[in-house]
C-alpha atoms as a PDB file:
ATOM      1  CA  MET A   1      41.120  -2.167 -32.224  1.00  0.00           C
ATOM      2  CA  LYS A   2      41.237  -5.613 -33.746  1.00  0.00           C
ATOM      3  CA  GLU A   3      37.978  -7.480 -33.143  1.00  0.00           C
ATOM      4  CA  GLY A   4      38.133 -10.714 -30.986  1.00  0.00           C
ATOM      5  CA  ILE A   5      41.235  -9.629 -29.059  1.00  0.00           C
ATOM      6  CA  HIS A   6      40.030  -7.623 -25.969  1.00  0.00           C
ATOM      7  CA  PRO A   7      38.057  -8.895 -23.234  1.00  0.00           C
ATOM      8  CA  ALA A   8      34.532  -7.837 -22.839  1.00  0.00           C
ATOM      9  CA  TYR A   9      34.240  -4.405 -20.926  1.00  0.00           C
ATOM     10  CA  ARG A  10      30.789  -4.434 -19.414  1.00  0.00           C
ATOM     11  CA  GLU A  11      28.896  -3.557 -16.277  1.00  0.00           C
ATOM     12  CA  VAL A  12      29.923  -5.473 -13.231  1.00  0.00           C
ATOM     13  CA  VAL A  13      28.414  -5.341  -9.691  1.00  0.00           C
ATOM     14  CA  PHE A  14      30.755  -5.072  -6.851  1.00  0.00           C
ATOM     15  CA  LEU A  15      29.555  -6.106  -3.287  1.00  0.00           C
ATOM     16  CA  ASP A  16      31.508  -5.347   0.094  1.00  0.00           C
ATOM     17  CA  GLN A  17      31.539  -8.128   2.064  1.00  0.00           C
ATOM     18  CA  GLN A  18      31.836  -6.209   5.400  1.00  0.00           C
ATOM     19  CA  THR A  19      28.939  -3.459   4.792  1.00  0.00           C
ATOM     20  CA  GLY A  20      26.932  -5.337   2.431  1.00  0.00           C
ATOM     21  CA  ASN A  21      26.781  -2.465  -0.181  1.00  0.00           C
ATOM     22  CA  THR A  22      27.012  -2.901  -3.898  1.00  0.00           C
ATOM     23  CA  PHE A  23      27.598  -0.705  -6.648  1.00  0.00           C
ATOM     24  CA  ILE A  24      27.828  -0.804 -10.294  1.00  0.00           C
ATOM     25  CA  SER A  25      30.816  -0.198 -12.404  1.00  0.00           C
ATOM     26  CA  ARG A  26      32.202  -0.943 -15.598  1.00  0.00           C
ATOM     27  CA  SER A  27      35.065  -3.755 -15.814  1.00  0.00           C
ATOM     28  CA  THR A  28      36.594  -6.552 -17.441  1.00  0.00           C
ATOM     29  CA  LEU A  29      36.008  -8.932 -14.659  1.00  0.00           C
ATOM     30  CA  ASN A  30      35.232 -12.499 -15.124  1.00  0.00           C
ATOM     31  CA  SER A  31      32.927 -13.775 -12.478  1.00  0.00           C
ATOM     32  CA  ARG A  32      30.790 -17.287 -12.238  1.00  0.00           C
ATOM     33  CA  GLU A  33      28.675 -15.774  -9.832  1.00  0.00           C
ATOM     34  CA  THR A  34      25.652 -13.263 -10.880  1.00  0.00           C
ATOM     35  CA  ILE A  35      23.127 -11.101  -9.344  1.00  0.00           C
ATOM     36  CA  GLU A  36      19.898  -9.664 -10.622  1.00  0.00           C
ATOM     37  CA  ILE A  37      19.276  -5.642  -9.847  1.00  0.00           C
ATOM     38  CA  ASP A  38      16.352  -4.003 -11.122  1.00  0.00           C
ATOM     39  CA  GLY A  39      15.529  -6.862 -13.693  1.00  0.00           C
ATOM     40  CA  THR A  40      18.818  -6.954 -15.420  1.00  0.00           C
ATOM     41  CA  THR A  41      21.330  -9.938 -14.506  1.00  0.00           C
ATOM     42  CA  TYR A  42      25.114  -8.684 -14.136  1.00  0.00           C
ATOM     43  CA  PRO A  43      28.483 -10.386 -12.877  1.00  0.00           C
ATOM     44  CA  LEU A  44      29.149 -10.219  -9.227  1.00  0.00           C
ATOM     45  CA  PHE A  45      32.502  -9.515  -7.853  1.00  0.00           C
ATOM     46  CA  LYS A  46      33.045  -9.733  -4.151  1.00  0.00           C
ATOM     47  CA  CYS A  47      35.256  -7.217  -2.363  1.00  0.00           C
ATOM     48  CA  ASP A  48      36.931  -7.902   1.001  1.00  0.00           C
ATOM     49  CA  VAL A  49      37.497  -4.002   1.451  1.00  0.00           C
ATOM     50  CA  THR A  50      36.071  -1.044  -0.386  1.00  0.00           C
ATOM     51  CA  SER A  51      36.035   2.902   0.444  1.00  0.00           C
ATOM     52  CA  GLU A  52      32.806   1.726   2.199  1.00  0.00           C
ATOM     53  CA  SER A  53      34.600  -0.007   4.850  1.00  0.00           C
ATOM     54  CA  HIS A  54      38.381   0.640   4.674  1.00  0.00           C
ATOM     55  CA  PRO A  55      39.228   2.545   8.052  1.00  0.00           C
ATOM     56  CA  PHE A  56      41.131   5.235   6.186  1.00  0.00           C
ATOM     57  CA  TYR A  57      38.162   5.928   4.580  1.00  0.00           C
ATOM     58  CA  THR A  58      35.521   5.686   7.200  1.00  0.00           C
ATOM     59  CA  GLY A  59      37.722   7.813   9.835  1.00  0.00           C
ATOM     60  CA  ALA A  60      37.789   4.793  12.310  1.00  0.00           C
ATOM     61  CA  GLN A  61      41.465   4.380  11.598  1.00  0.00           C
ATOM     62  CA  THR A  62      43.487   3.637  15.051  1.00  0.00           C
ATOM     63  CA  ARG A  63      46.224   5.845  16.108  1.00  0.00           C
ATOM     64  CA  ILE A  64      49.437   4.261  17.588  1.00  0.00           C
ATOM     65  CA  VAL A  65      49.703   4.913  21.212  1.00  0.00           C
ATOM     66  CA  GLU A  66      52.628   6.744  21.628  1.00  0.00           C
ATOM     67  CA  THR A  67      52.888   6.481  25.457  1.00  0.00           C
ATOM     68  CA  GLY A  68      53.585   2.973  25.013  1.00  0.00           C
ATOM     69  CA  ARG A  69      56.609   3.271  22.813  1.00  0.00           C
ATOM     70  CA  VAL A  70      57.962   5.793  25.219  1.00  0.00           C
ATOM     71  CA  GLU A  71      57.670   3.643  28.218  1.00  0.00           C
ATOM     72  CA  LYS A  72      59.090   0.658  26.288  1.00  0.00           C
ATOM     73  CA  PHE A  73      62.248   2.805  25.207  1.00  0.00           C
ATOM     74  CA  ARG A  74      62.780   4.111  28.940  1.00  0.00           C
ATOM     75  CA  GLN A  75      62.513   0.683  30.083  1.00  0.00           C
ATOM     76  CA  ARG A  76      64.981  -0.834  27.686  1.00  0.00           C
ATOM     77  CA  PHE A  77      67.611   2.009  28.298  1.00  0.00           C
ATOM     78  CA  ALA A  78      66.883   2.607  32.022  1.00  0.00           C
ATOM     79  CA  ARG A  79      69.880   0.280  32.831  1.00  0.00           C
ATOM     80  CA  THR A  80      72.264   2.409  31.253  1.00  0.00           C
ATOM     81  CA  ALA A  81      70.962   5.833  31.569  1.00  0.00           C
ATOM     82  CA  GLY A  82      73.415   6.241  35.127  1.00  0.00           C
ATOM     83  CA  THR A  83      76.427   4.498  33.540  1.00  0.00           C
ATOM     84  CA  ARG A  84      77.586   7.098  31.123  1.00  0.00           C
ATOM     85  CA  SER A  85      81.369   7.792  31.026  1.00  0.00           C
ATOM     86  CA  LYS A  86      82.460  11.246  32.197  1.00  0.00           C
ATOM     87  CA  PRO A  87      84.519  12.921  29.832  1.00  0.00           C
ATOM     88  CA  THR A  88      88.438  12.997  30.675  1.00  0.00           C
ATOM     89  CA  ALA A  89      90.201  16.165  30.809  1.00  0.00           C
END
Protein backbone atom coordinates (compact mmCIF):
# COMPACT_ATOMS: atom_id res chain seq x y z
CA MET A 1 0.00 0.00 0.00
CA LYS A 2 1.09 3.53 -0.65
CA GLU A 3 1.94 5.58 2.42
CA GLY A 4 -0.12 8.64 3.30
CA ILE A 5 -3.15 8.07 1.05
CA HIS A 6 -5.27 5.78 3.26
CA PRO A 7 -7.42 6.98 6.18
CA ALA A 8 -6.40 6.02 9.70
CA TYR A 9 -7.91 2.67 10.70
CA ARG A 10 -8.28 2.73 14.45
CA GLU A 11 -10.54 1.74 17.32
CA VAL A 12 -13.69 3.87 17.61
CA VAL A 13 -16.43 3.82 20.28
CA PHE A 14 -19.99 3.61 18.96
CA LEU A 15 -22.72 4.91 21.29
CA ASP A 16 -26.34 3.82 20.82
CA GLN A 17 -28.29 6.93 21.79
CA GLN A 18 -31.53 5.05 22.47
CA THR A 19 -30.13 2.50 24.91
CA GLY A 20 -26.89 4.14 26.04
CA ASN A 21 -24.86 1.02 25.19
CA THR A 22 -21.34 1.47 23.85
CA PHE A 23 -19.09 -0.87 21.94
CA ILE A 24 -15.62 -0.57 20.48
CA SER A 25 -14.93 -1.47 16.89
CA ARG A 26 -12.29 -0.60 14.32
CA SER A 27 -13.21 2.04 11.77
CA THR A 28 -11.94 4.92 9.64
CA LEU A 29 -14.61 7.32 10.96
CA ASN A 30 -13.52 10.79 11.96
CA SER A 31 -15.15 12.44 14.95
CA ARG A 32 -14.62 15.62 16.94
CA GLU A 33 -15.97 14.01 20.09
CA THR A 34 -13.92 11.65 22.23
CA ILE A 35 -14.64 9.39 25.16
CA GLU A 36 -12.35 7.82 27.73
CA ILE A 37 -12.81 4.14 28.52
CA ASP A 38 -10.42 2.28 30.87
CA GLY A 39 -7.89 5.11 30.68
CA THR A 40 -7.75 5.16 26.87
CA THR A 41 -9.24 7.97 24.79
CA TYR A 42 -11.22 6.92 21.72
CA PRO A 43 -13.09 8.85 19.03
CA LEU A 44 -16.87 8.73 19.71
CA PHE A 45 -19.53 8.10 17.07
CA LYS A 46 -23.17 8.47 18.13
CA CYS A 47 -25.60 6.07 16.42
CA ASP A 48 -29.34 6.55 16.27
CA VAL A 49 -30.05 2.82 15.88
CA THR A 50 -27.93 -0.29 16.44
CA SER A 51 -28.75 -3.97 16.75
CA GLU A 52 -29.33 -3.33 20.48
CA SER A 53 -32.25 -0.97 19.81
CA HIS A 54 -33.63 -1.78 16.33
CA PRO A 55 -37.10 -3.35 16.50
CA PHE A 56 -36.17 -6.13 14.05
CA TYR A 57 -33.39 -7.41 16.31
CA THR A 58 -35.14 -6.80 19.64
CA GLY A 59 -38.34 -8.60 18.63
CA ALA A 60 -40.50 -5.55 19.32
CA GLN A 61 -41.45 -5.20 15.69
CA THR A 62 -45.13 -4.37 15.38
CA ARG A 63 -47.29 -6.42 13.08
CA ILE A 64 -49.70 -4.79 10.68
CA VAL A 65 -53.26 -5.34 11.83
CA GLU A 66 -54.85 -7.36 9.05
CA THR A 67 -58.43 -6.87 10.24
CA GLY A 68 -58.11 -3.13 9.68
CA ARG A 69 -57.11 -3.71 6.08
CA VAL A 70 -59.91 -6.18 5.46
CA GLU A 71 -62.53 -3.83 6.94
CA LYS A 72 -61.23 -0.93 4.88
CA PHE A 73 -61.48 -3.09 1.73
CA ARG A 74 -65.05 -4.14 2.56
CA GLN A 75 -66.14 -0.55 3.19
CA ARG A 76 -64.64 0.62 -0.08
CA PHE A 77 -66.27 -2.07 -2.21
CA ALA A 78 -69.52 -2.51 -0.27
CA ARG A 79 -71.30 -0.18 -2.68
CA THR A 80 -70.44 -2.26 -5.74
CA ALA A 81 -70.94 -5.70 -4.18
CA GLY A 82 -74.65 -5.99 -5.14
CA THR A 83 -74.49 -4.27 -8.52
CA ARG A 84 -72.86 -7.10 -10.37
CA SER A 85 -74.28 -7.55 -13.84
CA LYS A 86 -75.73 -10.93 -14.72
CA PRO A 87 -74.25 -12.70 -17.71
CA THR A 88 -76.53 -12.73 -20.72
CA ALA A 89 -77.34 -16.04 -22.37
